[in-house]
């Protein structure tokens, strides 16, 4: 059980991708290796590929040796986010927390990041904190919180049928909502 783990062991089992990517003034390689120290360039590029980051890395003159600047200032928000996802892929944690991972990006970049997140979440427990409907519609369970309390719980379809707060929030954001395909299509 979780109580049997010490805090260090627990942290080692959790990967996190937040709204603001944490990058350090170093190379892309150094930033990615924080997920898996000593990872080979081949491993780094495999993770970058899965995170939809390989294309922009390949376009940089120095590739993995490119310096990102303090807090990744030389990269776009979407590029930084995809590097954070690649780093989490390298860590390969059994538990993943995504906290507003697509909140600061445009729709086109969100699609790239969403695809990368699907690769990251595959076969692991994922806790997704989000306001964007597109981020959560395919979740196994959606918990709707109000003032820190769970007020609704279910799948997207169940919560829509229930007609509560989630359904009202979906109606309000309908214009922003992307075309949703059934899961597994």
N, C-alpha and C. Protein backbone atom coordinates (compact mmCIF):
# COMPACT_ATOMS: atom_id res chain seq x y z
N UNK A 1 0.84 -1.20 0.00
CA UNK A 1 0.00 0.00 0.00
C UNK A 1 0.88 1.25 0.00
N UNK A 2 0.27 2.37 -0.30
CA UNK A 2 1.01 3.63 -0.39
C UNK A 2 1.61 4.03 0.96
N UNK A 3 0.97 3.64 2.06
CA UNK A 3 1.49 3.98 3.39
C UNK A 3 2.79 3.24 3.69
N UNK A 4 3.02 2.13 3.00
CA UNK A 4 4.24 1.34 3.24
C UNK A 4 5.46 1.90 2.52
N UNK A 5 5.26 2.88 1.66
CA UNK A 5 6.38 3.48 0.92
C UNK A 5 6.90 4.70 1.66
N UNK A 6 8.22 4.89 1.63
CA UNK A 6 8.72 6.15 2.16
C UNK A 6 8.56 7.20 1.06
N UNK A 7 8.66 8.44 1.40
CA UNK A 7 8.38 9.53 0.46
C UNK A 7 9.29 9.48 -0.77
N UNK A 8 10.54 9.09 -0.58
CA UNK A 8 11.47 9.00 -1.71
C UNK A 8 11.04 7.91 -2.70
N UNK A 9 10.66 6.75 -2.16
CA UNK A 9 10.18 5.67 -3.02
C UNK A 9 8.92 6.09 -3.78
N UNK A 10 8.03 6.77 -3.10
CA UNK A 10 6.80 7.24 -3.74
C UNK A 10 7.12 8.21 -4.88
N UNK A 11 8.00 9.16 -4.63
CA UNK A 11 8.37 10.13 -5.67
C UNK A 11 9.01 9.46 -6.87
N UNK A 12 9.77 8.41 -6.64
CA UNK A 12 10.41 7.69 -7.75
C UNK A 12 9.38 7.00 -8.65
N UNK A 13 8.21 6.72 -8.11
CA UNK A 13 7.17 6.02 -8.86
C UNK A 13 6.21 6.97 -9.58
N UNK A 14 6.42 8.27 -9.41
CA UNK A 14 5.50 9.25 -9.99
C UNK A 14 6.23 10.12 -11.01
N UNK A 15 5.61 10.27 -12.16
CA UNK A 15 6.08 11.21 -13.18
C UNK A 15 5.06 12.33 -13.26
N UNK A 16 5.53 13.52 -13.60
CA UNK A 16 4.62 14.66 -13.62
C UNK A 16 4.91 15.56 -14.81
N UNK A 17 3.84 15.99 -15.46
CA UNK A 17 3.93 16.99 -16.53
C UNK A 17 2.96 18.09 -16.14
N UNK A 18 3.47 19.29 -15.95
CA UNK A 18 2.63 20.40 -15.51
C UNK A 18 2.45 21.42 -16.63
N UNK A 19 1.61 22.40 -16.34
CA UNK A 19 1.35 23.47 -17.31
C UNK A 19 2.64 24.21 -17.66
N UNK A 20 3.47 24.45 -16.68
CA UNK A 20 4.73 25.13 -16.92
C UNK A 20 5.86 24.11 -16.89
N UNK A 21 6.51 23.93 -18.01
CA UNK A 21 7.60 22.96 -18.10
C UNK A 21 8.82 23.46 -17.36
N UNK A 22 9.47 22.56 -16.65
CA UNK A 22 10.68 22.92 -15.92
C UNK A 22 11.89 22.46 -16.71
N UNK A 23 12.53 23.40 -17.38
CA UNK A 23 13.75 23.12 -18.11
C UNK A 23 14.87 23.96 -17.52
N UNK A 24 16.07 23.43 -17.60
CA UNK A 24 17.23 24.09 -17.02
C UNK A 24 18.16 24.58 -18.12
N UNK A 25 18.99 25.56 -17.80
CA UNK A 25 19.92 26.12 -18.77
C UNK A 25 20.99 25.09 -19.06
N UNK A 26 20.71 24.28 -20.03
CA UNK A 26 21.61 23.23 -20.47
C UNK A 26 21.15 22.77 -21.83
N UNK A 27 21.64 21.64 -22.25
CA UNK A 27 21.27 21.12 -23.57
C UNK A 27 19.96 20.34 -23.47
N UNK A 28 19.39 20.08 -24.62
CA UNK A 28 18.20 19.23 -24.66
C UNK A 28 18.56 17.87 -24.07
N UNK A 29 19.72 17.35 -24.42
CA UNK A 29 20.18 16.05 -23.89
C UNK A 29 20.17 16.07 -22.36
N UNK A 30 20.79 17.08 -21.77
CA UNK A 30 20.88 17.16 -20.30
C UNK A 30 19.50 17.25 -19.67
N UNK A 31 18.61 18.02 -20.28
CA UNK A 31 17.26 18.15 -19.74
C UNK A 31 16.49 16.84 -19.84
N UNK A 32 16.64 16.12 -20.93
CA UNK A 32 15.95 14.84 -21.08
C UNK A 32 16.52 13.78 -20.15
N UNK A 33 17.85 13.80 -19.96
CA UNK A 33 18.48 12.78 -19.11
C UNK A 33 18.10 12.92 -17.64
N UNK A 34 17.45 14.01 -17.28
CA UNK A 34 16.94 14.11 -15.91
C UNK A 34 15.86 13.06 -15.68
N UNK A 35 15.19 12.63 -16.75
CA UNK A 35 14.20 11.57 -16.64
C UNK A 35 14.84 10.20 -16.48
N UNK A 36 15.99 10.03 -17.12
CA UNK A 36 16.72 8.76 -17.04
C UNK A 36 18.20 9.06 -17.18
N UNK A 37 18.88 9.29 -16.06
CA UNK A 37 20.31 9.60 -16.12
C UNK A 37 21.08 8.53 -16.90
N UNK A 38 21.96 8.99 -17.77
CA UNK A 38 22.78 8.07 -18.55
C UNK A 38 22.10 7.50 -19.78
N UNK A 39 20.88 7.95 -20.08
CA UNK A 39 20.18 7.43 -21.26
C UNK A 39 21.00 7.74 -22.52
N UNK A 40 21.02 6.80 -23.44
CA UNK A 40 21.75 6.99 -24.70
C UNK A 40 21.00 7.96 -25.61
N UNK A 41 21.71 8.50 -26.60
CA UNK A 41 21.06 9.39 -27.56
C UNK A 41 19.93 8.67 -28.28
N UNK A 42 20.11 7.38 -28.53
CA UNK A 42 19.06 6.60 -29.19
C UNK A 42 17.79 6.56 -28.32
N UNK A 43 17.97 6.32 -27.02
CA UNK A 43 16.83 6.31 -26.09
C UNK A 43 16.17 7.68 -26.03
N UNK A 44 17.00 8.73 -26.01
CA UNK A 44 16.47 10.09 -25.96
C UNK A 44 15.63 10.40 -27.20
N UNK A 45 16.13 10.00 -28.36
CA UNK A 45 15.40 10.29 -29.60
C UNK A 45 14.14 9.43 -29.72
N UNK A 46 14.15 8.22 -29.18
CA UNK A 46 12.93 7.40 -29.17
C UNK A 46 11.87 8.08 -28.32
N UNK A 47 12.27 8.59 -27.16
CA UNK A 47 11.32 9.30 -26.29
C UNK A 47 10.85 10.58 -26.97
N UNK A 48 11.77 11.29 -27.63
CA UNK A 48 11.40 12.52 -28.34
C UNK A 48 10.40 12.21 -29.46
N UNK A 49 10.60 11.11 -30.15
CA UNK A 49 9.68 10.68 -31.21
C UNK A 49 8.29 10.43 -30.63
N UNK A 50 8.21 9.69 -29.54
CA UNK A 50 6.93 9.38 -28.90
C UNK A 50 6.24 10.63 -28.36
N UNK A 51 7.04 11.64 -28.02
CA UNK A 51 6.50 12.90 -27.48
C UNK A 51 6.26 13.95 -28.56
N UNK A 52 6.40 13.55 -29.82
CA UNK A 52 6.25 14.50 -30.94
C UNK A 52 7.23 15.67 -30.84
N UNK A 53 8.42 15.39 -30.34
CA UNK A 53 9.45 16.43 -30.21
C UNK A 53 10.61 16.22 -31.19
N UNK A 54 10.67 15.07 -31.80
CA UNK A 54 11.82 14.76 -32.64
C UNK A 54 11.95 15.72 -33.82
N UNK A 55 10.85 16.06 -34.45
CA UNK A 55 10.90 16.92 -35.63
C UNK A 55 11.58 18.24 -35.32
N UNK A 56 11.18 18.89 -34.23
CA UNK A 56 11.80 20.19 -33.95
C UNK A 56 13.23 20.02 -33.47
N UNK A 57 13.55 18.93 -32.78
CA UNK A 57 14.94 18.69 -32.36
C UNK A 57 15.83 18.50 -33.59
N UNK A 58 15.33 17.73 -34.56
CA UNK A 58 16.10 17.49 -35.79
C UNK A 58 16.34 18.78 -36.58
N UNK A 59 15.45 19.75 -36.44
CA UNK A 59 15.61 21.02 -37.16
C UNK A 59 16.62 21.96 -36.51
N UNK A 60 16.94 21.71 -35.25
CA UNK A 60 17.91 22.55 -34.55
C UNK A 60 19.32 22.22 -35.03
N UNK A 61 20.13 23.24 -35.22
CA UNK A 61 21.49 23.05 -35.76
C UNK A 61 22.29 22.04 -34.95
N UNK A 62 22.16 22.07 -33.62
CA UNK A 62 22.94 21.18 -32.77
C UNK A 62 22.13 20.02 -32.20
N UNK A 63 20.92 19.82 -32.67
CA UNK A 63 20.10 18.69 -32.23
C UNK A 63 20.03 18.57 -30.72
N UNK A 64 20.33 17.39 -30.19
CA UNK A 64 20.29 17.16 -28.75
C UNK A 64 21.28 18.03 -27.99
N UNK A 65 22.31 18.52 -28.66
CA UNK A 65 23.32 19.38 -28.01
C UNK A 65 22.91 20.84 -27.98
N UNK A 66 21.73 21.16 -28.49
CA UNK A 66 21.25 22.55 -28.48
C UNK A 66 20.96 23.00 -27.06
N UNK A 67 21.41 24.19 -26.71
CA UNK A 67 21.17 24.77 -25.39
C UNK A 67 19.79 25.41 -25.40
N UNK A 68 18.99 25.12 -24.38
CA UNK A 68 17.61 25.61 -24.34
C UNK A 68 17.48 26.96 -23.64
N UNK A 69 18.50 27.38 -22.91
CA UNK A 69 18.44 28.64 -22.18
C UNK A 69 17.74 28.46 -20.84
N UNK A 70 17.88 29.46 -19.99
CA UNK A 70 17.27 29.42 -18.66
C UNK A 70 15.76 29.25 -18.80
N UNK A 71 15.19 28.23 -18.13
CA UNK A 71 13.76 27.89 -18.18
C UNK A 71 13.29 27.61 -19.60
N UNK A 72 14.20 27.22 -20.49
CA UNK A 72 13.83 26.87 -21.86
C UNK A 72 13.43 28.05 -22.71
N UNK A 73 14.00 29.23 -22.42
CA UNK A 73 13.60 30.47 -23.08
C UNK A 73 13.76 30.43 -24.60
N UNK A 74 14.63 29.58 -25.11
CA UNK A 74 14.87 29.52 -26.56
C UNK A 74 13.85 28.64 -27.29
N UNK A 75 12.92 28.05 -26.54
CA UNK A 75 11.93 27.15 -27.13
C UNK A 75 10.53 27.71 -26.97
N UNK A 76 9.62 27.27 -27.83
CA UNK A 76 8.21 27.67 -27.69
C UNK A 76 7.59 26.90 -26.52
N UNK A 77 6.42 27.35 -26.09
CA UNK A 77 5.72 26.67 -25.00
C UNK A 77 5.45 25.21 -25.38
N UNK A 78 5.00 24.99 -26.60
CA UNK A 78 4.70 23.63 -27.05
C UNK A 78 5.94 22.75 -27.11
N UNK A 79 7.06 23.31 -27.56
CA UNK A 79 8.31 22.54 -27.61
C UNK A 79 8.76 22.15 -26.20
N UNK A 80 8.67 23.09 -25.27
CA UNK A 80 9.04 22.80 -23.89
C UNK A 80 8.15 21.70 -23.31
N UNK A 81 6.86 21.78 -23.62
CA UNK A 81 5.91 20.80 -23.10
C UNK A 81 6.23 19.40 -23.63
N UNK A 82 6.56 19.33 -24.91
CA UNK A 82 6.89 18.03 -25.51
C UNK A 82 8.19 17.47 -24.94
N UNK A 83 9.15 18.33 -24.60
CA UNK A 83 10.36 17.85 -23.93
C UNK A 83 10.04 17.32 -22.54
N UNK A 84 9.12 17.97 -21.85
CA UNK A 84 8.71 17.48 -20.52
C UNK A 84 8.05 16.11 -20.63
N UNK A 85 7.26 15.92 -21.68
CA UNK A 85 6.62 14.63 -21.90
C UNK A 85 7.68 13.57 -22.22
N UNK A 86 8.65 13.92 -23.06
CA UNK A 86 9.73 12.98 -23.39
C UNK A 86 10.51 12.60 -22.13
N UNK A 87 10.76 13.57 -21.27
CA UNK A 87 11.48 13.29 -20.02
C UNK A 87 10.67 12.33 -19.15
N UNK A 88 9.35 12.54 -19.08
CA UNK A 88 8.50 11.64 -18.30
C UNK A 88 8.48 10.24 -18.92
N UNK A 89 8.49 10.16 -20.25
CA UNK A 89 8.55 8.85 -20.92
C UNK A 89 9.84 8.12 -20.55
N UNK A 90 10.94 8.85 -20.49
CA UNK A 90 12.22 8.24 -20.13
C UNK A 90 12.20 7.73 -18.69
N UNK A 91 11.56 8.46 -17.81
CA UNK A 91 11.46 8.03 -16.41
C UNK A 91 10.64 6.75 -16.31
N UNK A 92 9.63 6.61 -17.16
CA UNK A 92 8.77 5.44 -17.22
C UNK A 92 8.13 5.12 -15.86
N UNK A 93 7.43 6.08 -15.27
CA UNK A 93 6.84 5.87 -13.95
C UNK A 93 5.53 5.08 -14.04
N UNK A 94 5.20 4.30 -13.01
CA UNK A 94 3.91 3.60 -13.02
C UNK A 94 2.73 4.53 -12.78
N UNK A 95 2.99 5.69 -12.17
CA UNK A 95 1.93 6.67 -11.88
C UNK A 95 2.31 7.98 -12.54
N UNK A 96 1.34 8.57 -13.21
CA UNK A 96 1.58 9.81 -13.94
C UNK A 96 0.57 10.86 -13.50
N UNK A 97 1.05 12.07 -13.24
CA UNK A 97 0.17 13.19 -12.93
C UNK A 97 0.35 14.24 -14.01
N UNK A 98 -0.75 14.59 -14.67
CA UNK A 98 -0.74 15.63 -15.70
C UNK A 98 -1.56 16.79 -15.17
N UNK A 99 -0.91 17.89 -14.90
CA UNK A 99 -1.58 19.05 -14.32
C UNK A 99 -1.67 20.16 -15.37
N UNK A 100 -2.82 20.27 -16.01
CA UNK A 100 -3.06 21.29 -17.05
C UNK A 100 -1.96 21.25 -18.12
N UNK A 101 -1.62 20.05 -18.57
CA UNK A 101 -0.49 19.87 -19.48
C UNK A 101 -0.67 20.51 -20.85
N UNK A 102 -1.91 20.85 -21.24
CA UNK A 102 -2.13 21.49 -22.55
C UNK A 102 -2.72 22.89 -22.41
N UNK A 103 -2.72 23.44 -21.22
CA UNK A 103 -3.43 24.69 -20.97
C UNK A 103 -2.87 25.91 -21.70
N UNK A 104 -1.59 25.96 -21.94
CA UNK A 104 -0.96 27.18 -22.48
C UNK A 104 -0.63 27.11 -23.95
N UNK A 105 -1.24 26.20 -24.69
CA UNK A 105 -0.86 26.05 -26.10
C UNK A 105 -2.05 26.23 -27.03
N UNK A 106 -1.74 26.51 -28.29
CA UNK A 106 -2.79 26.67 -29.30
C UNK A 106 -3.34 25.30 -29.70
N UNK A 107 -4.41 25.31 -30.48
CA UNK A 107 -5.10 24.07 -30.84
C UNK A 107 -4.21 23.09 -31.61
N UNK A 108 -3.43 23.58 -32.57
CA UNK A 108 -2.56 22.69 -33.36
C UNK A 108 -1.51 22.04 -32.47
N UNK A 109 -0.91 22.81 -31.59
CA UNK A 109 0.10 22.27 -30.67
C UNK A 109 -0.56 21.32 -29.68
N UNK A 110 -1.78 21.66 -29.27
CA UNK A 110 -2.50 20.78 -28.33
C UNK A 110 -2.68 19.39 -28.93
N UNK A 111 -2.97 19.32 -30.22
CA UNK A 111 -3.14 18.01 -30.86
C UNK A 111 -1.84 17.19 -30.79
N UNK A 112 -0.71 17.84 -31.05
CA UNK A 112 0.58 17.15 -30.96
C UNK A 112 0.84 16.67 -29.53
N UNK A 113 0.56 17.55 -28.58
CA UNK A 113 0.80 17.21 -27.18
C UNK A 113 -0.17 16.13 -26.73
N UNK A 114 -1.43 16.22 -27.15
CA UNK A 114 -2.43 15.22 -26.76
C UNK A 114 -2.02 13.83 -27.25
N UNK A 115 -1.53 13.77 -28.48
CA UNK A 115 -1.05 12.49 -29.03
C UNK A 115 0.13 11.97 -28.21
N UNK A 116 1.03 12.86 -27.85
CA UNK A 116 2.18 12.46 -27.03
C UNK A 116 1.73 11.99 -25.64
N UNK A 117 0.73 12.67 -25.08
CA UNK A 117 0.22 12.28 -23.77
C UNK A 117 -0.43 10.90 -23.81
N UNK A 118 -1.10 10.59 -24.91
CA UNK A 118 -1.70 9.26 -25.05
C UNK A 118 -0.61 8.20 -25.02
N UNK A 119 0.53 8.46 -25.68
CA UNK A 119 1.67 7.53 -25.62
C UNK A 119 2.18 7.40 -24.19
N UNK A 120 2.23 8.52 -23.50
CA UNK A 120 2.75 8.54 -22.14
C UNK A 120 1.82 7.82 -21.16
N UNK A 121 0.51 7.99 -21.32
CA UNK A 121 -0.45 7.42 -20.37
C UNK A 121 -0.71 5.93 -20.60
N UNK A 122 -0.30 5.41 -21.75
CA UNK A 122 -0.59 4.02 -22.09
C UNK A 122 -0.07 3.08 -21.01
N UNK A 123 -0.95 2.25 -20.50
CA UNK A 123 -0.64 1.21 -19.50
C UNK A 123 -0.05 1.74 -18.20
N UNK A 124 -0.51 2.88 -17.78
CA UNK A 124 -0.09 3.38 -16.47
C UNK A 124 -1.25 4.13 -15.83
N UNK A 125 -1.23 4.21 -14.52
CA UNK A 125 -2.23 4.98 -13.80
C UNK A 125 -1.95 6.45 -14.04
N UNK A 126 -2.96 7.16 -14.53
CA UNK A 126 -2.77 8.58 -14.86
C UNK A 126 -3.84 9.41 -14.17
N UNK A 127 -3.40 10.45 -13.53
CA UNK A 127 -4.30 11.42 -12.92
C UNK A 127 -4.16 12.69 -13.74
N UNK A 128 -5.26 13.09 -14.37
CA UNK A 128 -5.25 14.24 -15.27
C UNK A 128 -6.06 15.37 -14.64
N UNK A 129 -5.41 16.48 -14.39
CA UNK A 129 -6.07 17.67 -13.86
C UNK A 129 -6.22 18.62 -15.04
N UNK A 130 -7.47 18.93 -15.39
CA UNK A 130 -7.67 19.70 -16.62
C UNK A 130 -8.96 20.49 -16.59
N UNK A 131 -8.94 21.58 -17.33
CA UNK A 131 -10.15 22.35 -17.60
C UNK A 131 -10.59 22.17 -19.05
N UNK A 132 -9.68 21.76 -19.91
CA UNK A 132 -10.01 21.55 -21.32
C UNK A 132 -10.68 20.20 -21.49
N UNK A 133 -11.85 20.23 -22.07
CA UNK A 133 -12.63 19.02 -22.29
C UNK A 133 -11.88 17.99 -23.13
N UNK A 134 -11.17 18.46 -24.14
CA UNK A 134 -10.46 17.55 -25.04
C UNK A 134 -9.42 16.70 -24.31
N UNK A 135 -8.97 17.16 -23.16
CA UNK A 135 -7.94 16.45 -22.41
C UNK A 135 -8.52 15.26 -21.64
N UNK A 136 -9.82 15.30 -21.33
CA UNK A 136 -10.37 14.30 -20.41
C UNK A 136 -11.48 13.42 -20.98
N UNK A 137 -12.00 13.71 -22.16
CA UNK A 137 -13.19 13.00 -22.65
C UNK A 137 -13.02 11.48 -22.73
N UNK A 138 -11.83 10.98 -22.95
CA UNK A 138 -11.62 9.53 -23.08
C UNK A 138 -11.15 8.88 -21.77
N UNK A 139 -11.18 9.61 -20.68
CA UNK A 139 -10.74 9.06 -19.39
C UNK A 139 -11.66 7.93 -18.94
N UNK A 140 -11.10 6.94 -18.25
CA UNK A 140 -11.90 5.85 -17.70
C UNK A 140 -12.88 6.37 -16.65
N UNK A 141 -12.42 7.32 -15.86
CA UNK A 141 -13.25 7.95 -14.83
C UNK A 141 -12.94 9.43 -14.78
N UNK A 142 -13.98 10.24 -14.70
CA UNK A 142 -13.83 11.68 -14.55
C UNK A 142 -14.44 12.05 -13.21
N UNK A 143 -13.67 12.77 -12.41
CA UNK A 143 -14.17 13.27 -11.14
C UNK A 143 -14.38 14.77 -11.28
N UNK A 144 -15.57 15.23 -10.95
CA UNK A 144 -15.88 16.65 -11.02
C UNK A 144 -15.79 17.20 -9.61
N UNK A 145 -14.92 18.19 -9.43
CA UNK A 145 -14.71 18.78 -8.11
C UNK A 145 -15.37 20.14 -8.04
N UNK A 146 -15.89 20.45 -6.87
CA UNK A 146 -16.45 21.77 -6.60
C UNK A 146 -16.05 22.14 -5.17
N UNK A 147 -15.26 23.17 -5.04
CA UNK A 147 -14.75 23.60 -3.73
C UNK A 147 -14.06 22.44 -3.00
N UNK A 148 -13.25 21.66 -3.75
CA UNK A 148 -12.46 20.60 -3.15
C UNK A 148 -13.21 19.31 -2.87
N UNK A 149 -14.47 19.23 -3.24
CA UNK A 149 -15.26 18.02 -3.00
C UNK A 149 -15.67 17.38 -4.32
N UNK A 150 -15.68 16.06 -4.35
CA UNK A 150 -16.14 15.33 -5.54
C UNK A 150 -17.66 15.40 -5.56
N UNK A 151 -18.20 16.00 -6.63
CA UNK A 151 -19.66 16.12 -6.74
C UNK A 151 -20.25 15.21 -7.82
N UNK A 152 -19.41 14.75 -8.75
CA UNK A 152 -19.87 13.83 -9.79
C UNK A 152 -18.71 12.92 -10.17
N UNK A 153 -19.08 11.72 -10.64
CA UNK A 153 -18.05 10.76 -11.04
C UNK A 153 -18.63 9.85 -12.12
N UNK A 154 -17.85 9.61 -13.17
CA UNK A 154 -18.30 8.71 -14.23
C UNK A 154 -17.49 8.93 -15.49
N UNK A 155 -17.92 8.27 -16.57
CA UNK A 155 -17.29 8.50 -17.87
C UNK A 155 -17.89 9.77 -18.46
N UNK A 156 -17.32 10.23 -19.54
CA UNK A 156 -17.83 11.41 -20.24
C UNK A 156 -19.32 11.20 -20.57
N UNK A 157 -19.63 10.06 -21.17
CA UNK A 157 -21.01 9.78 -21.57
C UNK A 157 -21.95 9.71 -20.37
N UNK A 158 -21.52 9.06 -19.29
CA UNK A 158 -22.35 8.95 -18.09
C UNK A 158 -22.63 10.33 -17.49
N UNK A 159 -21.60 11.15 -17.44
CA UNK A 159 -21.78 12.48 -16.84
C UNK A 159 -22.65 13.38 -17.70
N UNK A 160 -22.55 13.25 -19.01
CA UNK A 160 -23.45 14.01 -19.89
C UNK A 160 -24.89 13.57 -19.67
N UNK A 161 -25.12 12.25 -19.60
CA UNK A 161 -26.47 11.72 -19.40
C UNK A 161 -27.04 12.14 -18.05
N UNK A 162 -26.18 12.25 -17.05
CA UNK A 162 -26.62 12.65 -15.71
C UNK A 162 -27.17 14.08 -15.71
N UNK A 163 -26.61 14.92 -16.56
CA UNK A 163 -27.12 16.28 -16.70
C UNK A 163 -26.75 17.25 -15.59
N UNK A 164 -25.68 16.96 -14.87
CA UNK A 164 -25.26 17.82 -13.76
C UNK A 164 -24.28 18.90 -14.18
N UNK A 165 -23.41 19.23 -13.26
CA UNK A 165 -22.45 20.32 -13.48
C UNK A 165 -21.53 20.03 -14.67
N UNK A 166 -21.05 18.79 -14.80
CA UNK A 166 -20.18 18.44 -15.91
C UNK A 166 -20.88 18.70 -17.24
N UNK A 167 -22.13 18.26 -17.35
CA UNK A 167 -22.89 18.47 -18.59
C UNK A 167 -23.04 19.96 -18.88
N UNK A 168 -23.30 20.75 -17.85
CA UNK A 168 -23.43 22.21 -18.04
C UNK A 168 -22.10 22.82 -18.48
N UNK A 169 -21.00 22.36 -17.89
CA UNK A 169 -19.68 22.86 -18.29
C UNK A 169 -19.38 22.49 -19.74
N UNK A 170 -19.78 21.28 -20.13
CA UNK A 170 -19.58 20.86 -21.52
C UNK A 170 -20.39 21.74 -22.47
N UNK A 171 -21.61 22.04 -22.11
CA UNK A 171 -22.45 22.91 -22.94
C UNK A 171 -21.80 24.29 -23.10
N UNK A 172 -21.25 24.82 -22.03
CA UNK A 172 -20.63 26.14 -22.06
C UNK A 172 -19.39 26.15 -22.95
N UNK A 173 -18.69 25.03 -23.03
CA UNK A 173 -17.45 25.00 -23.81
C UNK A 173 -17.64 24.31 -25.15
N UNK A 174 -18.87 24.07 -25.56
CA UNK A 174 -19.15 23.34 -26.78
C UNK A 174 -18.48 23.95 -28.00
N UNK A 175 -18.44 25.26 -28.08
CA UNK A 175 -17.82 25.90 -29.23
C UNK A 175 -16.32 25.63 -29.29
N UNK A 176 -15.69 25.45 -28.14
CA UNK A 176 -14.26 25.19 -28.09
C UNK A 176 -13.94 23.70 -28.24
N UNK A 177 -14.97 22.87 -28.08
CA UNK A 177 -14.76 21.43 -28.05
C UNK A 177 -14.40 20.89 -29.42
N UNK A 178 -13.30 20.15 -29.52
CA UNK A 178 -12.91 19.56 -30.80
C UNK A 178 -13.83 18.40 -31.14
N UNK A 179 -13.77 17.96 -32.37
CA UNK A 179 -14.52 16.78 -32.79
C UNK A 179 -14.02 15.59 -31.99
N UNK A 180 -14.93 14.90 -31.34
CA UNK A 180 -14.55 13.79 -30.47
C UNK A 180 -14.93 12.48 -31.13
N UNK A 181 -13.92 11.62 -31.31
CA UNK A 181 -14.16 10.30 -31.87
C UNK A 181 -14.34 9.33 -30.73
N UNK A 182 -15.14 8.29 -30.93
CA UNK A 182 -15.27 7.27 -29.88
C UNK A 182 -13.90 6.68 -29.55
N UNK A 183 -13.71 6.31 -28.30
CA UNK A 183 -12.43 5.72 -27.88
C UNK A 183 -12.16 4.46 -28.67
N UNK A 184 -10.90 4.26 -29.03
CA UNK A 184 -10.49 3.06 -29.74
C UNK A 184 -10.64 3.15 -31.25
N UNK A 185 -11.05 4.28 -31.76
CA UNK A 185 -11.22 4.43 -33.21
C UNK A 185 -9.93 4.87 -33.84
